[in-house]
Every structure is written in structure tokens, then in C-alpha cells.
């Protein structure tokens, strides 16, 4: 899965996202859509407590990794 996030320099506000992949990308788009509706920041996304199941996925969701990388650039 490929994730591209866009944020506003200075304020850190989350402006948009592009996700390309199969399966679970739909669930991740829903997370971003909810945050965009709330005018959330990239830091809000990074600090989001997303559900996970250790046998099936790791603690670091691709959205959290992308938010961490973007926050370092803003």
C-alpha cells in the first residue's frame, strides 16, 4: 500500500491523502476522511489510537508512519 499525505506548513493541518492499494486501504481512507472533516492536524493523525491485532498487523499502521514522516517535514 502506498500512502501520500499533504499538510499545511506552519499550522500542521492535514489537507489530504492519497492511498493506493488493495483491501484495507478503504478503512484507512475513512480514518483520514473523519480527520479532514474535523480539520485535524497531522499530529492528531499520528496520535490516533487505531485498532490492531498482533497476529495480523503491527503496531505501526501505514497511516501512522506516513503522518510521522510528514510531521518531520512540516
N, C-alpha and C. Protein backbone atom coordinates (compact mmCIF):
# COMPACT_ATOMS: atom_id res chain seq x y z
N UNK A 1 0.84 -1.17 0.00
CA UNK A 1 0.00 0.00 0.00
C UNK A 1 0.89 1.24 0.00
N UNK A 2 0.49 2.22 -0.78
CA UNK A 2 1.22 3.49 -0.86
C UNK A 2 0.34 4.59 -0.28
N UNK A 3 0.93 5.40 0.59
CA UNK A 3 0.20 6.48 1.25
C UNK A 3 0.93 7.78 0.99
N UNK A 4 0.17 8.79 0.60
CA UNK A 4 0.73 10.13 0.42
C UNK A 4 -0.17 11.10 1.17
N UNK A 5 0.40 11.79 2.15
CA UNK A 5 -0.33 12.77 2.93
C UNK A 5 0.12 14.17 2.55
N UNK A 6 -0.80 15.11 2.67
CA UNK A 6 -0.48 16.51 2.42
C UNK A 6 -0.88 17.31 3.66
N UNK A 7 0.02 18.20 4.08
CA UNK A 7 -0.25 19.02 5.25
C UNK A 7 0.18 20.45 5.02
N UNK A 8 -0.36 21.34 5.82
CA UNK A 8 -0.06 22.76 5.71
C UNK A 8 1.14 23.11 6.57
N UNK A 9 2.14 23.69 5.92
CA UNK A 9 3.33 24.12 6.64
C UNK A 9 2.96 25.22 7.63
N UNK A 10 3.54 25.17 8.80
CA UNK A 10 3.24 26.16 9.83
C UNK A 10 2.19 25.68 10.80
N UNK A 11 0.96 25.46 10.32
CA UNK A 11 -0.12 25.04 11.21
C UNK A 11 -0.11 23.53 11.44
N UNK A 12 0.44 22.77 10.48
CA UNK A 12 0.45 21.31 10.60
C UNK A 12 -0.88 20.66 10.28
N UNK A 13 -1.81 21.44 9.74
CA UNK A 13 -3.15 20.91 9.44
C UNK A 13 -3.09 19.88 8.32
N UNK A 14 -3.80 18.80 8.50
CA UNK A 14 -3.90 17.75 7.49
C UNK A 14 -4.80 18.26 6.37
N UNK A 15 -4.30 18.22 5.13
CA UNK A 15 -5.05 18.76 4.00
C UNK A 15 -5.60 17.69 3.08
N UNK A 16 -4.99 16.52 3.03
CA UNK A 16 -5.47 15.48 2.14
C UNK A 16 -4.62 14.24 2.19
N UNK A 17 -5.07 13.23 1.47
CA UNK A 17 -4.36 11.96 1.42
C UNK A 17 -4.69 11.22 0.15
N UNK A 18 -3.74 10.45 -0.31
CA UNK A 18 -3.94 9.52 -1.41
C UNK A 18 -3.47 8.16 -0.94
N UNK A 19 -4.30 7.16 -1.15
CA UNK A 19 -3.95 5.80 -0.79
C UNK A 19 -4.16 4.91 -2.00
N UNK A 20 -3.16 4.11 -2.31
CA UNK A 20 -3.24 3.18 -3.42
C UNK A 20 -2.91 1.80 -2.88
N UNK A 21 -3.84 0.88 -3.04
CA UNK A 21 -3.61 -0.47 -2.56
C UNK A 21 -4.90 -1.27 -2.58
N UNK A 22 -4.79 -2.47 -2.12
CA UNK A 22 -5.94 -3.38 -2.12
C UNK A 22 -6.43 -3.58 -0.69
N UNK A 23 -7.63 -4.05 -0.58
CA UNK A 23 -8.16 -4.49 0.71
C UNK A 23 -8.40 -3.39 1.72
N UNK A 24 -7.52 -3.30 2.71
CA UNK A 24 -7.72 -2.44 3.86
C UNK A 24 -7.52 -0.95 3.60
N UNK A 25 -7.19 -0.57 2.39
CA UNK A 25 -7.00 0.86 2.10
C UNK A 25 -8.31 1.62 2.30
N UNK A 26 -9.43 0.97 2.10
CA UNK A 26 -10.73 1.62 2.28
C UNK A 26 -10.92 2.05 3.73
N UNK A 27 -10.55 1.20 4.68
CA UNK A 27 -10.69 1.55 6.09
C UNK A 27 -9.81 2.74 6.44
N UNK A 28 -8.63 2.79 5.86
CA UNK A 28 -7.72 3.89 6.15
C UNK A 28 -8.21 5.21 5.57
N UNK A 29 -8.83 5.17 4.41
CA UNK A 29 -9.40 6.37 3.82
C UNK A 29 -10.49 6.92 4.74
N UNK A 30 -11.26 6.06 5.35
CA UNK A 30 -12.29 6.50 6.29
C UNK A 30 -11.69 7.25 7.48
N UNK A 31 -10.57 6.77 7.97
CA UNK A 31 -9.88 7.43 9.09
C UNK A 31 -9.47 8.84 8.67
N UNK A 32 -8.86 8.97 7.51
CA UNK A 32 -8.41 10.27 7.03
C UNK A 32 -9.61 11.19 6.78
N UNK A 33 -10.67 10.66 6.19
CA UNK A 33 -11.86 11.47 5.91
C UNK A 33 -12.45 12.05 7.20
N UNK A 34 -12.51 11.26 8.25
CA UNK A 34 -13.03 11.74 9.53
C UNK A 34 -12.14 12.85 10.10
N UNK A 35 -10.84 12.69 9.99
CA UNK A 35 -9.92 13.71 10.49
C UNK A 35 -9.99 14.98 9.66
N UNK A 36 -10.14 14.85 8.36
CA UNK A 36 -10.27 16.04 7.50
C UNK A 36 -11.55 16.80 7.85
N UNK A 37 -12.61 16.08 8.12
CA UNK A 37 -13.87 16.71 8.49
C UNK A 37 -13.72 17.53 9.78
N UNK A 38 -12.91 17.06 10.69
CA UNK A 38 -12.66 17.73 11.98
C UNK A 38 -11.56 18.78 11.90
N UNK A 39 -11.00 18.98 10.68
CA UNK A 39 -9.89 19.94 10.48
C UNK A 39 -8.71 19.61 11.40
N UNK A 40 -8.40 18.32 11.48
CA UNK A 40 -7.35 17.82 12.37
C UNK A 40 -5.97 18.11 11.80
N UNK A 41 -5.00 17.97 12.67
CA UNK A 41 -3.61 18.17 12.27
C UNK A 41 -2.95 16.83 11.94
N UNK A 42 -1.79 16.91 11.35
CA UNK A 42 -1.00 15.71 11.07
C UNK A 42 -0.64 15.03 12.39
N UNK A 43 -0.37 15.83 13.40
CA UNK A 43 -0.06 15.28 14.73
C UNK A 43 -1.27 14.52 15.30
N UNK A 44 -2.48 15.03 15.06
CA UNK A 44 -3.68 14.31 15.50
C UNK A 44 -3.75 12.93 14.86
N UNK A 45 -3.42 12.86 13.58
CA UNK A 45 -3.41 11.55 12.91
C UNK A 45 -2.34 10.66 13.52
N UNK A 46 -1.15 11.20 13.73
CA UNK A 46 -0.06 10.40 14.30
C UNK A 46 -0.43 9.86 15.68
N UNK A 47 -1.15 10.65 16.45
CA UNK A 47 -1.51 10.24 17.82
C UNK A 47 -2.80 9.43 17.88
N UNK A 48 -3.42 9.17 16.74
CA UNK A 48 -4.67 8.41 16.71
C UNK A 48 -4.43 6.99 17.25
N UNK A 49 -5.37 6.53 18.03
CA UNK A 49 -5.29 5.19 18.60
C UNK A 49 -6.07 4.24 17.69
N UNK A 50 -5.37 3.68 16.72
CA UNK A 50 -6.01 2.78 15.76
C UNK A 50 -5.97 1.35 16.28
N UNK A 51 -7.03 0.63 16.02
CA UNK A 51 -7.10 -0.77 16.47
C UNK A 51 -6.13 -1.64 15.68
N UNK A 52 -5.60 -2.63 16.34
CA UNK A 52 -4.73 -3.59 15.66
C UNK A 52 -4.83 -4.95 16.33
N UNK A 53 -4.46 -5.96 15.59
CA UNK A 53 -4.44 -7.32 16.11
C UNK A 53 -3.05 -7.89 15.81
N UNK A 54 -2.24 -8.11 16.83
CA UNK A 54 -0.85 -8.55 16.61
C UNK A 54 -0.66 -9.71 15.64
N UNK A 55 -1.54 -10.71 15.60
CA UNK A 55 -1.29 -11.79 14.64
C UNK A 55 -1.44 -11.35 13.18
N UNK A 56 -2.17 -10.24 12.96
CA UNK A 56 -2.47 -9.84 11.59
C UNK A 56 -1.79 -8.55 11.14
N UNK A 57 -1.43 -7.70 12.07
CA UNK A 57 -0.79 -6.43 11.71
C UNK A 57 0.04 -5.93 12.86
N UNK A 58 0.98 -5.06 12.52
CA UNK A 58 1.85 -4.50 13.54
C UNK A 58 1.24 -3.29 14.22
N UNK A 59 1.94 -2.78 15.21
CA UNK A 59 1.50 -1.60 15.95
C UNK A 59 1.53 -0.37 15.06
N UNK A 60 2.52 -0.27 14.18
CA UNK A 60 2.71 0.91 13.34
C UNK A 60 1.95 0.75 12.02
N UNK A 61 0.76 1.31 11.97
CA UNK A 61 -0.05 1.31 10.77
C UNK A 61 0.61 2.23 9.73
N UNK A 62 0.38 1.96 8.46
CA UNK A 62 0.99 2.79 7.41
C UNK A 62 0.57 4.25 7.52
N UNK A 63 -0.63 4.53 7.99
CA UNK A 63 -1.05 5.93 8.18
C UNK A 63 -0.23 6.62 9.25
N UNK A 64 0.06 5.92 10.32
CA UNK A 64 0.86 6.49 11.40
C UNK A 64 2.29 6.75 10.95
N UNK A 65 2.84 5.84 10.18
CA UNK A 65 4.20 6.02 9.66
C UNK A 65 4.24 7.22 8.71
N UNK A 66 3.25 7.34 7.84
CA UNK A 66 3.19 8.46 6.90
C UNK A 66 3.01 9.78 7.65
N UNK A 67 2.18 9.80 8.68
CA UNK A 67 1.98 11.02 9.47
C UNK A 67 3.26 11.41 10.20
N UNK A 68 3.98 10.44 10.71
CA UNK A 68 5.25 10.73 11.38
C UNK A 68 6.24 11.36 10.41
N UNK A 69 6.36 10.80 9.23
CA UNK A 69 7.29 11.35 8.23
C UNK A 69 6.89 12.75 7.79
N UNK A 70 5.58 12.96 7.57
CA UNK A 70 5.13 14.29 7.15
C UNK A 70 5.33 15.32 8.24
N UNK A 71 5.09 14.95 9.49
CA UNK A 71 5.25 15.89 10.59
C UNK A 71 6.69 16.38 10.71
N UNK A 72 7.64 15.56 10.33
CA UNK A 72 9.05 15.96 10.37
C UNK A 72 9.38 16.97 9.26
N UNK A 73 8.59 16.95 8.18
CA UNK A 73 8.82 17.86 7.06
C UNK A 73 8.12 19.21 7.23
N UNK A 74 7.08 19.22 8.05
CA UNK A 74 6.31 20.46 8.21
C UNK A 74 6.94 21.36 9.21
